Amino acid sequence: MAAVLVLMVVTVPACESVVEHDDASRATSTSTSPSSGSDIYEVPDQLRDATVVWSAEPEVDLFSVEGTLIRAAQESIIIGIAVGLDYTYPGFAVSGNYLGGDSIYSPFRSATGDGPFAGSVHSRIQQVIPISNGFEALTCVLSIGLDVLENGRYSPSLLADVAGGELRIRFIRNDDQTTTAAAPPPRPSIPGPEKFTWQAPTDNRFVGWQIDGFADVEPATAESGRCDAWARSLYPDTEPIASREAYARDNPPPVEPAYPGWPDSTN
């Protein structure tokens, strides 16, 4: 469990931080309540001005059942680390059997009090590996383009590791194993200016699935630097270690259009 906690802090969202969060900033942060009484997911206020930009190896379809599950899970991980488990996508906490709070047995807090955040997180699906009762996914995540507003200035959300974080996620079917997977939804078309805000599914994308761990347990791929080339292609000139103070700025970072978005997103 300790190893998993360390992995979550280091690889999601892709950078290791040695900078303590400012308690005063937490006290002033606000968020849309996850208990608004609506069955439709609402993006937390702290992340509305951020996006996730996805890519994948040629053999991986971002709109397939597997691609959709991977995207929903990893975006929930980003949300859980940034603002708290209570704000993750519907069904994520239950599917992973995660509990909120400050327990050492949970990789997430219920709410962090951090934010607002601005900018873009890049994620890439490298491989989908079928297993007898589901599949595993090898992914990369890079959050060097995501800043957090602290003390009136925008600073790197965490220390920036330009190699990108490596993640292995296992998905286990927990419904009838003979049931045919649903056809993927239509490819979304994100309208106008909304593509520059956080896109999210409004319903539960984890029905029938269990999320079984984030650790890369395969020696052949763990610590292999499989994300290096991809990360460097996005940020070729960035120093491996970037302190918040050195890169703090008055204006938010650029926000890239969300891709591919979600067919039913109204956020």
C-alpha atoms as a PDB file:
ATOM      1  CA  MET A   1       0.000   0.000   0.000  1.00  0.00           C
ATOM      2  CA  ALA A   2       2.811   2.405   0.808  1.00  0.00           C
ATOM      3  CA  ALA A   3       4.312   1.765  -2.622  1.00  0.00           C
ATOM      4  CA  VAL A   4       0.988   2.528  -4.304  1.00  0.00           C
ATOM      5  CA  LEU A   5       0.661   5.786  -2.368  1.00  0.00           C
ATOM      6  CA  VAL A   6       4.128   6.845  -3.399  1.00  0.00           C
ATOM      7  CA  LEU A   7       3.370   5.949  -7.015  1.00  0.00           C
ATOM      8  CA  MET A   8       0.206   8.032  -7.032  1.00  0.00           C
ATOM      9  CA  VAL A   9       2.005  11.079  -5.697  1.00  0.00           C
ATOM     10  CA  VAL A  10       4.960  10.742  -8.047  1.00  0.00           C
ATOM     11  CA  THR A  11       3.355   9.726 -11.322  1.00  0.00           C
ATOM     12  CA  VAL A  12      -0.003  11.442 -11.187  1.00  0.00           C
ATOM     13  CA  PRO A  13      -0.003  13.982 -12.504  1.00  0.00           C
ATOM     14  CA  ALA A  14       3.430  13.060 -13.801  1.00  0.00           C
ATOM     15  CA  CYS A  15       5.627  15.085 -11.521  1.00  0.00           C
ATOM     16  CA  GLU A  16       7.092  14.836  -8.049  1.00  0.00           C
ATOM     17  CA  SER A  17       6.592  17.782  -5.722  1.00  0.00           C
ATOM     18  CA  VAL A  18       8.827  18.855  -2.889  1.00  0.00           C
ATOM     19  CA  VAL A  19       6.931  22.096  -2.378  1.00  0.00           C
ATOM     20  CA  GLU A  20       4.441  22.137   0.448  1.00  0.00           C
ATOM     21  CA  HIS A  21       1.004  23.475  -0.408  1.00  0.00           C
ATOM     22  CA  ASP A  22       0.151  26.788   1.123  1.00  0.00           C
ATOM     23  CA  ASP A  23      -2.517  26.333   3.798  1.00  0.00           C
ATOM     24  CA  ALA A  24      -3.816  29.850   3.315  1.00  0.00           C
ATOM     25  CA  SER A  25      -4.438  29.138  -0.370  1.00  0.00           C
ATOM     26  CA  ARG A  26      -6.406  26.034   0.536  1.00  0.00           C
ATOM     27  CA  ALA A  27      -8.581  27.992   2.878  1.00  0.00           C
ATOM     28  CA  THR A  28      -9.656  30.383   0.121  1.00  0.00           C
ATOM     29  CA  SER A  29     -10.352  27.766  -2.564  1.00  0.00           C
ATOM     30  CA  THR A  30     -13.925  26.934  -3.438  1.00  0.00           C
ATOM     31  CA  SER A  31     -15.568  24.268  -5.527  1.00  0.00           C
ATOM     32  CA  THR A  32     -18.891  23.170  -6.843  1.00  0.00           C
ATOM     33  CA  SER A  33     -20.261  20.731  -4.313  1.00  0.00           C
ATOM     34  CA  PRO A  34     -20.274  17.128  -5.538  1.00  0.00           C
ATOM     35  CA  SER A  35     -23.520  16.706  -3.608  1.00  0.00           C
ATOM     36  CA  SER A  36     -25.584  19.199  -5.565  1.00  0.00           C
ATOM     37  CA  GLY A  37     -28.594  16.886  -5.705  1.00  0.00           C
ATOM     38  CA  SER A  38     -28.213  16.351  -9.458  1.00  0.00           C
ATOM     39  CA  ASP A  39     -27.518  12.985 -11.088  1.00  0.00           C
ATOM     40  CA  ILE A  40     -25.470  14.729 -13.782  1.00  0.00           C
ATOM     41  CA  TYR A  41     -21.775  15.224 -13.156  1.00  0.00           C
ATOM     42  CA  GLU A  42     -20.570  18.800 -12.807  1.00  0.00           C
ATOM     43  CA  VAL A  43     -16.952  19.782 -13.309  1.00  0.00           C
ATOM     44  CA  PRO A  44     -15.480  21.307 -10.108  1.00  0.00           C
ATOM     45  CA  ASP A  45     -14.848  25.029 -10.311  1.00  0.00           C
ATOM     46  CA  GLN A  46     -11.114  24.587  -9.702  1.00  0.00           C
ATOM     47  CA  LEU A  47     -10.697  22.654 -12.974  1.00  0.00           C
ATOM     48  CA  ARG A  48     -13.055  24.465 -15.342  1.00  0.00           C
ATOM     49  CA  ASP A  49     -10.175  26.362 -16.966  1.00  0.00           C
ATOM     50  CA  ALA A  50      -8.113  23.231 -17.618  1.00  0.00           C
ATOM     51  CA  THR A  51      -8.251  20.517 -20.251  1.00  0.00           C
ATOM     52  CA  VAL A  52      -6.951  17.009 -20.930  1.00  0.00           C
ATOM     53  CA  VAL A  53      -5.466  16.347 -24.355  1.00  0.00           C
ATOM     54  CA  TRP A  54      -5.362  12.649 -25.289  1.00  0.00           C
ATOM     55  CA  SER A  55      -3.347  10.765 -27.868  1.00  0.00           C
ATOM     56  CA  ALA A  56      -2.701   7.070 -28.478  1.00  0.00           C
ATOM     57  CA  GLU A  57      -0.571   4.643 -30.401  1.00  0.00           C
ATOM     58  CA  PRO A  58      -2.027   3.847 -33.856  1.00  0.00           C
ATOM     59  CA  GLU A  59      -3.470   0.495 -32.790  1.00  0.00           C
ATOM     60  CA  VAL A  60      -5.427   2.037 -29.886  1.00  0.00           C
ATOM     61  CA  ASP A  61      -8.868   3.582 -30.458  1.00  0.00           C
ATOM     62  CA  LEU A  62      -9.632   6.378 -27.986  1.00  0.00           C
ATOM     63  CA  PHE A  63     -13.363   5.828 -28.647  1.00  0.00           C
ATOM     64  CA  SER A  64     -13.425   2.074 -28.044  1.00  0.00           C
ATOM     65  CA  VAL A  65     -14.799   0.556 -24.839  1.00  0.00           C
ATOM     66  CA  GLU A  66     -11.234   0.177 -23.564  1.00  0.00           C
ATOM     67  CA  GLY A  67     -10.193   3.664 -24.632  1.00  0.00           C
ATOM     68  CA  THR A  68     -13.232   5.218 -22.990  1.00  0.00           C
ATOM     69  CA  LEU A  69     -12.621   3.392 -19.703  1.00  0.00           C
ATOM     70  CA  ILE A  70      -8.955   4.326 -19.662  1.00  0.00           C
ATOM     71  CA  ARG A  71      -9.704   7.980 -20.304  1.00  0.00           C
ATOM     72  CA  ALA A  72     -12.431   8.132 -17.655  1.00  0.00           C
ATOM     73  CA  ALA A  73     -10.199   6.461 -15.069  1.00  0.00           C
ATOM     74  CA  GLN A  74      -7.081   8.531 -15.699  1.00  0.00           C
ATOM     75  CA  GLU A  75      -9.025  11.794 -15.816  1.00  0.00           C
ATOM     76  CA  SER A  76     -10.588  10.800 -12.498  1.00  0.00           C
ATOM     77  CA  ILE A  77      -7.122  10.156 -11.086  1.00  0.00           C
ATOM     78  CA  ILE A  78      -6.068  13.655 -12.142  1.00  0.00           C
ATOM     79  CA  ILE A  79      -9.186  15.149 -10.569  1.00  0.00           C
ATOM     80  CA  GLY A  80      -8.735  13.101  -7.390  1.00  0.00           C
ATOM     81  CA  ILE A  81      -5.133  14.213  -6.944  1.00  0.00           C
ATOM     82  CA  ALA A  82      -5.849  17.849  -7.836  1.00  0.00           C
ATOM     83  CA  VAL A  83      -9.093  18.581  -5.979  1.00  0.00           C
ATOM     84  CA  GLY A  84     -10.209  15.397  -4.225  1.00  0.00           C
ATOM     85  CA  LEU A  85     -11.958  12.044  -4.522  1.00  0.00           C
ATOM     86  CA  ASP A  86     -15.401  13.570  -3.973  1.00  0.00           C
ATOM     87  CA  TYR A  87     -15.110  15.353  -7.327  1.00  0.00           C
ATOM     88  CA  THR A  88     -14.082  12.410  -9.528  1.00  0.00           C
ATOM     89  CA  TYR A  89     -16.340  11.018 -12.246  1.00  0.00           C
ATOM     90  CA  PRO A  90     -19.464   9.063 -11.231  1.00  0.00           C
ATOM     91  CA  GLY A  91     -18.656   5.481 -10.319  1.00  0.00           C
ATOM     92  CA  PHE A  92     -14.873   5.909 -10.086  1.00  0.00           C
ATOM     93  CA  ALA A  93     -14.594   5.707  -6.295  1.00  0.00           C
ATOM     94  CA  VAL A  94     -16.903   2.683  -6.111  1.00  0.00           C
ATOM     95  CA  SER A  95     -15.210   0.844  -8.983  1.00  0.00           C
ATOM     96  CA  GLY A  96     -11.815   1.273  -7.353  1.00  0.00           C
ATOM     97  CA  ASN A  97     -13.124   0.784  -3.802  1.00  0.00           C
ATOM     98  CA  TYR A  98     -11.542   4.097  -2.799  1.00  0.00           C
ATOM     99  CA  LEU A  99     -12.322   5.944   0.392  1.00  0.00           C
ATOM    100  CA  GLY A 100     -11.867   9.643   0.925  1.00  0.00           C
ATOM    101  CA  GLY A 101     -10.397  11.381   3.942  1.00  0.00           C
ATOM    102  CA  ASP A 102      -6.828  11.586   5.141  1.00  0.00           C
ATOM    103  CA  SER A 103      -6.320   7.905   5.912  1.00  0.00           C
ATOM    104  CA  ILE A 104      -2.965   6.395   4.968  1.00  0.00           C
ATOM    105  CA  TYR A 105      -4.994   3.606   3.369  1.00  0.00           C
ATOM    106  CA  SER A 106      -6.391   5.925   0.694  1.00  0.00           C
ATOM    107  CA  PRO A 107      -4.410   7.487  -2.182  1.00  0.00           C
ATOM    108  CA  PHE A 108      -6.916  10.359  -2.284  1.00  0.00           C
ATOM    109  CA  ARG A 109      -8.237  12.967   0.103  1.00  0.00           C
ATOM    110  CA  SER A 110     -11.934  13.765   0.001  1.00  0.00           C
ATOM    111  CA  ALA A 111     -11.115  17.358  -0.961  1.00  0.00           C
ATOM    112  CA  THR A 112      -7.717  19.038  -1.252  1.00  0.00           C
ATOM    113  CA  GLY A 113      -8.769  22.685  -1.152  1.00  0.00           C
ATOM    114  CA  ASP A 114      -6.261  23.406  -3.925  1.00  0.00           C
ATOM    115  CA  GLY A 115      -6.864  25.489  -7.014  1.00  0.00           C
ATOM    116  CA  PRO A 116      -7.992  26.960  -9.240  1.00  0.00           C
ATOM    117  CA  PHE A 117      -5.944  25.220 -11.917  1.00  0.00           C
ATOM    118  CA  ALA A 118      -5.348  26.367 -15.491  1.00  0.00           C
ATOM    119  CA  GLY A 119      -3.634  24.851 -18.503  1.00  0.00           C
ATOM    120  CA  SER A 120      -3.569  21.396 -20.072  1.00  0.00           C
ATOM    121  CA  VAL A 121      -2.591  17.876 -19.045  1.00  0.00           C
ATOM    122  CA  HIS A 122      -1.379  15.539 -21.781  1.00  0.00           C
ATOM    123  CA  SER A 123      -2.102  11.815 -21.603  1.00  0.00           C
ATOM    124  CA  ARG A 124      -1.268   9.008 -24.003  1.00  0.00           C
ATOM    125  CA  ILE A 125      -2.426   5.398 -24.203  1.00  0.00           C
ATOM    126  CA  GLN A 126       0.535   3.291 -25.223  1.00  0.00           C
ATOM    127  CA  GLN A 127      -0.833  -0.225 -25.069  1.00  0.00           C
ATOM    128  CA  VAL A 128      -3.977  -2.188 -24.227  1.00  0.00           C
ATOM    129  CA  ILE A 129      -3.189  -5.715 -23.024  1.00  0.00           C
ATOM    130  CA  PRO A 130      -6.078  -8.242 -22.951  1.00  0.00           C
ATOM    131  CA  ILE A 131      -6.263 -10.534 -19.916  1.00  0.00           C
ATOM    132  CA  SER A 132      -8.694 -13.341 -19.123  1.00  0.00           C
ATOM    133  CA  ASN A 133     -11.166 -11.164 -17.211  1.00  0.00           C
ATOM    134  CA  GLY A 134     -10.545  -7.724 -18.640  1.00  0.00           C
ATOM    135  CA  PHE A 135      -7.532  -5.760 -19.808  1.00  0.00           C
ATOM    136  CA  GLU A 136      -4.543  -3.746 -18.669  1.00  0.00           C
ATOM    137  CA  ALA A 137      -3.518  -0.361 -20.016  1.00  0.00           C
ATOM    138  CA  LEU A 138      -0.080   1.212 -20.211  1.00  0.00           C
ATOM    139  CA  THR A 139      -0.364   4.993 -20.248  1.00  0.00           C
ATOM    140  CA  CYS A 140       1.695   8.156 -19.910  1.00  0.00           C
ATOM    141  CA  VAL A 141       0.649  11.412 -18.268  1.00  0.00           C
ATOM    142  CA  LEU A 142       2.379  14.792 -18.344  1.00  0.00           C
ATOM    143  CA  SER A 143       1.138  17.751 -16.307  1.00  0.00           C
ATOM    144  CA  ILE A 144       3.930  20.248 -16.868  1.00  0.00           C
ATOM    145  CA  GLY A 145       1.409  22.445 -18.709  1.00  0.00           C
ATOM    146  CA  LEU A 146      -0.942  22.642 -15.719  1.00  0.00           C
ATOM    147  CA  ASP A 147      -0.534  25.530 -13.267  1.00  0.00           C
ATOM    148  CA  VAL A 148      -2.209  26.298  -9.957  1.00  0.00           C
ATOM    149  CA  LEU A 149      -3.055  29.771  -8.676  1.00  0.00           C
ATOM    150  CA  GLU A 150      -1.275  30.405  -5.370  1.00  0.00           C
ATOM    151  CA  ASN A 151      -0.680  33.725  -3.680  1.00  0.00           C
ATOM    152  CA  GLY A 152      -1.938  35.589  -6.737  1.00  0.00           C
ATOM    153  CA  ARG A 153       0.440  33.926  -9.207  1.00  0.00           C
ATOM    154  CA  TYR A 154       0.340  30.861 -11.432  1.00  0.00           C
ATOM    155  CA  SER A 155       2.912  28.208 -10.570  1.00  0.00           C
ATOM    156  CA  PRO A 156       3.586  24.643 -11.747  1.00  0.00           C
ATOM    157  CA  SER A 157       1.006  22.391 -10.141  1.00  0.00           C
ATOM    158  CA  LEU A 158       3.824  20.047  -9.126  1.00  0.00           C
ATOM    159  CA  LEU A 159       7.532  19.862  -9.851  1.00  0.00           C
ATOM    160  CA  ALA A 160       7.847  19.048 -13.525  1.00  0.00           C
ATOM    161  CA  ASP A 161       9.347  15.750 -14.592  1.00  0.00           C
ATOM    162  CA  VAL A 162       9.574  16.075 -18.372  1.00  0.00           C
ATOM    163  CA  ALA A 163       9.950  12.314 -18.755  1.00  0.00           C
ATOM    164  CA  GLY A 164       6.249  11.947 -17.989  1.00  0.00           C
ATOM    165  CA  GLY A 165       4.631   9.606 -15.507  1.00  0.00           C
ATOM    166  CA  GLU A 166       4.224   5.951 -16.392  1.00  0.00           C
ATOM    167  CA  LEU A 167       1.034   4.249 -15.295  1.00  0.00           C
ATOM    168  CA  ARG A 168      -0.395   0.735 -15.561  1.00  0.00           C
ATOM    169  CA  ILE A 169      -4.118   0.384 -14.897  1.00  0.00           C
ATOM    170  CA  ARG A 170      -5.951  -2.953 -14.683  1.00  0.00           C
ATOM    171  CA  PHE A 171      -9.671  -3.225 -15.458  1.00  0.00           C
ATOM    172  CA  ILE A 172     -11.581  -6.343 -14.320  1.00  0.00           C
ATOM    173  CA  ARG A 173     -15.084  -7.229 -15.467  1.00  0.00           C
ATOM    174  CA  ASN A 174     -17.457  -7.623 -12.524  1.00  0.00           C
ATOM    175  CA  ASP A 175     -20.603  -8.376 -14.528  1.00  0.00           C
ATOM    176  CA  ASP A 176     -21.614 -11.345 -16.692  1.00  0.00           C
ATOM    177  CA  GLN A 177     -18.382 -12.359 -18.420  1.00  0.00           C
ATOM    178  CA  THR A 178     -20.309 -13.505 -21.496  1.00  0.00           C
ATOM    179  CA  THR A 179     -21.973 -10.153 -22.027  1.00  0.00           C
ATOM    180  CA  THR A 180     -20.858  -8.421 -25.191  1.00  0.00           C
ATOM    181  CA  ALA A 181     -19.346  -5.020 -24.592  1.00  0.00           C
ATOM    182  CA  ALA A 182     -21.484  -2.102 -25.660  1.00  0.00           C
ATOM    183  CA  ALA A 183     -20.639  -0.423 -28.929  1.00  0.00           C
ATOM    184  CA  PRO A 184     -18.570   2.731 -28.533  1.00  0.00           C
ATOM    185  CA  PRO A 185     -20.551   5.984 -28.543  1.00  0.00           C
ATOM    186  CA  PRO A 186     -20.481   8.356 -31.511  1.00  0.00           C
ATOM    187  CA  ARG A 187     -17.347  10.426 -31.856  1.00  0.00           C
ATOM    188  CA  PRO A 188     -17.912  13.769 -30.157  1.00  0.00           C
ATOM    189  CA  SER A 189     -17.830  17.160 -31.751  1.00  0.00           C
ATOM    190  CA  ILE A 190     -16.847  19.738 -29.153  1.00  0.00           C
ATOM    191  CA  PRO A 191     -18.473  23.069 -29.968  1.00  0.00           C
ATOM    192  CA  GLY A 192     -16.690  26.411 -30.169  1.00  0.00           C
ATOM    193  CA  PRO A 193     -15.118  27.899 -27.071  1.00  0.00           C
ATOM    194  CA  GLU A 194     -16.176  24.997 -24.816  1.00  0.00           C
ATOM    195  CA  LYS A 195     -13.249  22.958 -26.146  1.00  0.00           C
ATOM    196  CA  PHE A 196     -10.995  25.167 -24.005  1.00  0.00           C
ATOM    197  CA  THR A 197     -12.693  24.076 -20.768  1.00  0.00           C
ATOM    198  CA  TRP A 198     -12.702  20.740 -18.956  1.00  0.00           C
ATOM    199  CA  GLN A 199     -14.746  18.103 -20.799  1.00  0.00           C
ATOM    200  CA  ALA A 200     -16.338  15.325 -18.740  1.00  0.00           C
ATOM    201  CA  PRO A 201     -18.818  12.477 -19.112  1.00  0.00           C
ATOM    202  CA  THR A 202     -22.053  13.251 -17.338  1.00  0.00           C
ATOM    203  CA  ASP A 203     -22.865   9.640 -16.438  1.00  0.00           C
ATOM    204  CA  ASN A 204     -21.207   6.548 -14.922  1.00  0.00           C
ATOM    205  CA  ARG A 205     -18.724   5.029 -17.391  1.00  0.00           C
ATOM    206  CA  PHE A 206     -17.503   2.338 -14.959  1.00  0.00           C
ATOM    207  CA  VAL A 207     -20.621   0.162 -14.773  1.00  0.00           C
ATOM    208  CA  GLY A 208     -19.619  -3.505 -14.948  1.00  0.00           C
ATOM    209  CA  TRP A 209     -15.925  -2.853 -14.266  1.00  0.00           C
ATOM    210  CA  GLN A 210     -13.555  -2.905 -11.334  1.00  0.00           C
ATOM    211  CA  ILE A 211     -10.381  -0.803 -11.313  1.00  0.00           C
ATOM    212  CA  ASP A 212      -7.642  -2.963  -9.856  1.00  0.00           C
ATOM    213  CA  GLY A 213      -4.599  -0.890  -9.044  1.00  0.00           C
ATOM    214  CA  PHE A 214      -2.372   1.697 -10.696  1.00  0.00           C
ATOM    215  CA  ALA A 215       1.084   0.271 -10.057  1.00  0.00           C
ATOM    216  CA  ASP A 216       3.243  -0.847 -12.961  1.00  0.00           C
ATOM    217  CA  VAL A 217       3.931  -4.386 -11.770  1.00  0.00           C
ATOM    218  CA  GLU A 218       5.552  -5.654 -14.949  1.00  0.00           C
ATOM    219  CA  PRO A 219       9.366  -5.641 -14.661  1.00  0.00           C
ATOM    220  CA  ALA A 220       9.707  -5.463 -18.441  1.00  0.00           C
ATOM    221  CA  THR A 221       7.961  -2.097 -18.549  1.00  0.00           C
ATOM    222  CA  ALA A 222       8.366  -0.609 -15.072  1.00  0.00           C
ATOM    223  CA  GLU A 223      10.915   2.194 -14.842  1.00  0.00           C
ATOM    224  CA  SER A 224      11.728   1.723 -18.538  1.00  0.00           C
ATOM    225  CA  GLY A 225      11.370   5.352 -19.571  1.00  0.00           C
ATOM    226  CA  ARG A 226       8.725   4.393 -22.098  1.00  0.00           C
ATOM    227  CA  CYS A 227       7.210   7.909 -21.877  1.00  0.00           C
ATOM    228  CA  ASP A 228      10.445   9.838 -22.488  1.00  0.00           C
ATOM    229  CA  ALA A 229      10.278  10.336 -26.244  1.00  0.00           C
ATOM    230  CA  TRP A 230       6.612  11.299 -26.193  1.00  0.00           C
ATOM    231  CA  ALA A 231       7.092  13.792 -23.357  1.00  0.00           C
ATOM    232  CA  ARG A 232      10.123  15.366 -25.024  1.00  0.00           C
ATOM    233  CA  SER A 233       8.181  15.752 -28.262  1.00  0.00           C
ATOM    234  CA  LEU A 234       5.709  17.972 -26.395  1.00  0.00           C
ATOM    235  CA  TYR A 235       8.164  19.956 -24.259  1.00  0.00           C
ATOM    236  CA  PRO A 236      11.636  19.606 -25.790  1.00  0.00           C
ATOM    237  CA  ASP A 237      13.213  22.591 -24.026  1.00  0.00           C
ATOM    238  CA  THR A 238      11.865  22.200 -20.510  1.00  0.00           C
ATOM    239  CA  GLU A 239      14.258  21.570 -17.662  1.00  0.00           C
ATOM    240  CA  PRO A 240      13.669  18.273 -15.815  1.00  0.00           C
ATOM    241  CA  ILE A 241      13.206  20.062 -12.499  1.00  0.00           C
ATOM    242  CA  ALA A 242      11.280  23.314 -12.328  1.00  0.00           C
ATOM    243  CA  SER A 243      10.601  25.006  -8.997  1.00  0.00           C
ATOM    244  CA  ARG A 244       7.342  26.807  -8.465  1.00  0.00           C
ATOM    245  CA  GLU A 245       9.103  30.017  -7.508  1.00  0.00           C
ATOM    246  CA  ALA A 246      11.293  30.030 -10.622  1.00  0.00           C
ATOM    247  CA  TYR A 247       8.365  29.571 -12.995  1.00  0.00           C
ATOM    248  CA  ALA A 248       5.655  31.542 -11.176  1.00  0.00           C
ATOM    249  CA  ARG A 249       3.923  33.995 -13.502  1.00  0.00           C
ATOM    250  CA  ASP A 250       1.173  36.563 -13.375  1.00  0.00           C
ATOM    251  CA  ASN A 251      -0.893  35.100 -16.197  1.00  0.00           C
ATOM    252  CA  PRO A 252      -2.279  31.576 -16.581  1.00  0.00           C
ATOM    253  CA  PRO A 253      -0.635  29.180 -19.045  1.00  0.00           C
ATOM    254  CA  PRO A 254      -2.212  28.574 -22.452  1.00  0.00           C
ATOM    255  CA  VAL A 255      -5.083  26.104 -22.535  1.00  0.00           C
ATOM    256  CA  GLU A 256      -5.093  23.652 -25.419  1.00  0.00           C
ATOM    257  CA  PRO A 257      -8.373  22.368 -26.876  1.00  0.00           C
ATOM    258  CA  ALA A 258      -9.686  19.313 -25.049  1.00  0.00           C
ATOM    259  CA  TYR A 259      -9.429  16.139 -27.122  1.00  0.00           C
ATOM    260  CA  PRO A 260     -11.340  13.995 -27.818  1.00  0.00           C
ATOM    261  CA  GLY A 261     -13.914  15.179 -25.276  1.00  0.00           C
ATOM    262  CA  TRP A 262     -17.074  13.273 -24.376  1.00  0.00           C
ATOM    263  CA  PRO A 263     -20.177  12.804 -26.528  1.00  0.00           C
ATOM    264  CA  ASP A 264     -22.581  13.830 -23.772  1.00  0.00           C
ATOM    265  CA  SER A 265     -20.420  16.580 -22.279  1.00  0.00           C
ATOM    266  CA  THR A 266     -22.274  19.771 -21.455  1.00  0.00           C
ATOM    267  CA  ASN A 267     -19.489  21.236 -19.317  1.00  0.00           C
END
